[in-house]
């Protein structure tokens, strides 16, 4: 079953403040405007680039997106 990027990233939340993926996932979980139903890379990437200040580098998003795609086949 395919799931949105949002549902995938929620599985990556945690308490390790030194793990950038966990920090990113925690931030996304608190973002009420995040495109929760999207499976589209460009829609999510555009949202992150234009609307958030909690992501320091789009490289991190790209890495997490690759894992999402692998996990969502």
N, C-alpha and C. Protein backbone atom coordinates (compact mmCIF):
# COMPACT_ATOMS: atom_id res chain seq x y z
N UNK A 1 0.84 -1.18 0.00
CA UNK A 1 0.00 0.00 0.00
C UNK A 1 0.88 1.25 0.00
N UNK A 2 0.61 2.14 -0.90
CA UNK A 2 1.38 3.38 -0.98
C UNK A 2 0.92 4.32 0.13
N UNK A 3 1.88 5.05 0.65
CA UNK A 3 1.55 6.05 1.66
C UNK A 3 2.23 7.36 1.31
N UNK A 4 1.74 8.41 1.88
CA UNK A 4 2.30 9.73 1.59
C UNK A 4 3.66 9.88 2.26
N UNK A 5 4.41 10.87 1.79
CA UNK A 5 5.70 11.15 2.41
C UNK A 5 5.51 11.51 3.87
N UNK A 6 4.47 12.26 4.17
CA UNK A 6 4.19 12.66 5.55
C UNK A 6 4.05 11.43 6.45
N UNK A 7 3.28 10.45 6.02
CA UNK A 7 3.10 9.26 6.84
C UNK A 7 4.41 8.49 7.01
N UNK A 8 5.23 8.49 5.97
CA UNK A 8 6.54 7.85 6.09
C UNK A 8 7.42 8.60 7.09
N UNK A 9 7.52 9.91 6.95
CA UNK A 9 8.44 10.67 7.81
C UNK A 9 8.03 10.58 9.27
N UNK A 10 6.74 10.44 9.54
CA UNK A 10 6.31 10.29 10.94
C UNK A 10 6.91 9.05 11.59
N UNK A 11 7.21 8.03 10.81
CA UNK A 11 7.81 6.81 11.37
C UNK A 11 9.27 7.03 11.74
N UNK A 12 9.84 8.14 11.33
CA UNK A 12 11.25 8.44 11.60
C UNK A 12 11.45 9.33 12.82
N UNK A 13 10.37 9.72 13.49
CA UNK A 13 10.48 10.59 14.67
C UNK A 13 11.22 9.88 15.79
N UNK A 14 11.85 10.68 16.63
CA UNK A 14 12.56 10.12 17.76
C UNK A 14 13.00 11.20 18.73
N UNK A 15 13.82 10.79 19.67
CA UNK A 15 14.26 11.70 20.72
C UNK A 15 15.74 12.04 20.62
N UNK A 16 16.42 11.54 19.60
CA UNK A 16 17.84 11.80 19.43
C UNK A 16 18.03 13.14 18.73
N UNK A 17 18.40 14.15 19.50
CA UNK A 17 18.56 15.49 18.94
C UNK A 17 19.81 15.62 18.07
N UNK A 18 20.62 14.57 18.01
CA UNK A 18 21.83 14.59 17.18
C UNK A 18 21.59 13.89 15.84
N UNK A 19 20.43 13.29 15.67
CA UNK A 19 20.10 12.62 14.41
C UNK A 19 19.27 13.59 13.57
N UNK A 20 19.83 14.10 12.47
CA UNK A 20 19.11 15.10 11.69
C UNK A 20 17.80 14.58 11.09
N UNK A 21 17.71 13.30 10.79
CA UNK A 21 16.46 12.75 10.26
C UNK A 21 15.37 12.79 11.32
N UNK A 22 15.71 12.41 12.53
CA UNK A 22 14.73 12.44 13.62
C UNK A 22 14.29 13.87 13.92
N UNK A 23 15.22 14.80 13.91
CA UNK A 23 14.88 16.20 14.16
C UNK A 23 13.95 16.70 13.04
N UNK A 24 14.29 16.41 11.80
CA UNK A 24 13.45 16.79 10.66
C UNK A 24 12.05 16.19 10.80
N UNK A 25 11.98 14.91 11.13
CA UNK A 25 10.69 14.24 11.28
C UNK A 25 9.86 14.87 12.39
N UNK A 26 10.51 15.20 13.48
CA UNK A 26 9.79 15.86 14.59
C UNK A 26 9.25 17.22 14.16
N UNK A 27 10.06 17.96 13.41
CA UNK A 27 9.62 19.27 12.92
C UNK A 27 8.44 19.15 11.97
N UNK A 28 8.50 18.17 11.05
CA UNK A 28 7.40 17.96 10.12
C UNK A 28 6.12 17.61 10.89
N UNK A 29 6.25 16.80 11.93
CA UNK A 29 5.05 16.39 12.67
C UNK A 29 4.35 17.57 13.34
N UNK A 30 5.09 18.64 13.59
CA UNK A 30 4.51 19.83 14.22
C UNK A 30 4.04 20.88 13.21
N UNK A 31 4.30 20.65 11.93
CA UNK A 31 3.98 21.60 10.87
C UNK A 31 2.55 21.35 10.38
N UNK A 32 1.60 22.17 10.81
CA UNK A 32 0.20 21.93 10.47
C UNK A 32 -0.12 22.21 9.00
N UNK A 33 0.76 22.90 8.30
CA UNK A 33 0.51 23.23 6.89
C UNK A 33 1.20 22.25 5.92
N UNK A 34 1.97 21.30 6.44
CA UNK A 34 2.70 20.35 5.60
C UNK A 34 1.72 19.61 4.69
N UNK A 35 2.09 19.38 3.42
CA UNK A 35 1.20 18.67 2.48
C UNK A 35 1.10 17.18 2.84
N UNK A 36 0.20 16.88 3.73
CA UNK A 36 0.13 15.56 4.36
C UNK A 36 -0.22 14.40 3.42
N UNK A 37 -0.88 14.67 2.32
CA UNK A 37 -1.32 13.58 1.44
C UNK A 37 -0.46 13.44 0.19
N UNK A 38 0.59 14.21 0.10
CA UNK A 38 1.37 14.23 -1.14
C UNK A 38 2.35 13.06 -1.24
N UNK A 39 2.44 12.52 -2.45
CA UNK A 39 3.44 11.53 -2.81
C UNK A 39 4.35 12.10 -3.90
N UNK A 40 4.22 13.40 -4.16
CA UNK A 40 4.92 14.06 -5.25
C UNK A 40 6.16 14.80 -4.74
N UNK A 41 7.32 14.42 -5.26
CA UNK A 41 8.58 15.02 -4.83
C UNK A 41 8.56 16.53 -4.97
N UNK A 42 8.15 17.02 -6.12
CA UNK A 42 8.21 18.46 -6.39
C UNK A 42 7.27 19.26 -5.49
N UNK A 43 6.10 18.71 -5.22
CA UNK A 43 5.17 19.41 -4.34
C UNK A 43 5.76 19.55 -2.93
N UNK A 44 6.31 18.46 -2.40
CA UNK A 44 6.88 18.50 -1.05
C UNK A 44 8.14 19.37 -1.03
N UNK A 45 9.01 19.21 -2.03
CA UNK A 45 10.25 19.99 -2.08
C UNK A 45 9.95 21.49 -2.19
N UNK A 46 9.01 21.85 -3.04
CA UNK A 46 8.64 23.26 -3.17
C UNK A 46 8.10 23.81 -1.86
N UNK A 47 7.27 23.03 -1.19
CA UNK A 47 6.73 23.47 0.10
C UNK A 47 7.87 23.73 1.08
N UNK A 48 8.80 22.78 1.17
CA UNK A 48 9.90 22.93 2.12
C UNK A 48 10.79 24.12 1.78
N UNK A 49 11.08 24.31 0.50
CA UNK A 49 11.96 25.41 0.09
C UNK A 49 11.32 26.79 0.31
N UNK A 50 10.03 26.87 0.14
CA UNK A 50 9.37 28.17 0.16
C UNK A 50 8.68 28.52 1.48
N UNK A 51 8.43 27.54 2.33
CA UNK A 51 7.57 27.80 3.48
C UNK A 51 8.12 27.46 4.86
N UNK A 52 9.26 26.81 4.94
CA UNK A 52 9.72 26.39 6.27
C UNK A 52 11.10 26.94 6.58
N UNK A 53 11.38 27.05 7.85
CA UNK A 53 12.72 27.46 8.27
C UNK A 53 13.37 26.40 9.16
N UNK A 54 12.75 25.25 9.27
CA UNK A 54 13.30 24.20 10.12
C UNK A 54 14.20 23.21 9.38
N UNK A 55 14.31 23.33 8.09
CA UNK A 55 15.18 22.44 7.32
C UNK A 55 16.39 23.22 6.83
N UNK A 56 17.56 22.86 7.37
CA UNK A 56 18.78 23.59 7.04
C UNK A 56 19.28 23.28 5.63
N UNK A 57 19.04 22.06 5.16
CA UNK A 57 19.59 21.65 3.88
C UNK A 57 18.60 20.75 3.13
N UNK A 58 18.38 21.05 1.87
CA UNK A 58 17.53 20.20 1.05
C UNK A 58 18.20 18.86 0.77
N UNK A 59 19.51 18.78 0.99
CA UNK A 59 20.20 17.49 0.84
C UNK A 59 19.62 16.45 1.79
N UNK A 60 19.30 16.87 3.00
CA UNK A 60 18.70 15.95 3.96
C UNK A 60 17.35 15.47 3.45
N UNK A 61 16.54 16.38 2.95
CA UNK A 61 15.25 15.98 2.38
C UNK A 61 15.45 14.98 1.25
N UNK A 62 16.40 15.24 0.36
CA UNK A 62 16.65 14.33 -0.76
C UNK A 62 17.03 12.93 -0.27
N UNK A 63 17.85 12.85 0.76
CA UNK A 63 18.24 11.55 1.32
C UNK A 63 17.03 10.82 1.90
N UNK A 64 16.21 11.55 2.64
CA UNK A 64 15.02 10.93 3.24
C UNK A 64 14.04 10.54 2.15
N UNK A 65 13.92 11.36 1.11
CA UNK A 65 13.00 11.03 0.00
C UNK A 65 13.42 9.73 -0.67
N UNK A 66 14.72 9.54 -0.88
CA UNK A 66 15.19 8.29 -1.49
C UNK A 66 14.78 7.08 -0.66
N UNK A 67 14.92 7.18 0.65
CA UNK A 67 14.51 6.08 1.54
C UNK A 67 13.00 5.88 1.48
N UNK A 68 12.26 6.98 1.39
CA UNK A 68 10.79 6.90 1.25
C UNK A 68 10.42 6.14 -0.02
N UNK A 69 11.05 6.47 -1.13
CA UNK A 69 10.74 5.81 -2.39
C UNK A 69 11.06 4.33 -2.31
N UNK A 70 12.21 3.98 -1.74
CA UNK A 70 12.58 2.57 -1.58
C UNK A 70 11.56 1.84 -0.72
N UNK A 71 11.12 2.48 0.34
CA UNK A 71 10.22 1.86 1.30
C UNK A 71 8.78 1.81 0.77
N UNK A 72 8.47 2.59 -0.23
CA UNK A 72 7.09 2.75 -0.69
C UNK A 72 6.82 2.03 -2.00
N UNK A 73 7.67 1.12 -2.37
CA UNK A 73 7.48 0.41 -3.64
C UNK A 73 6.36 -0.60 -3.54
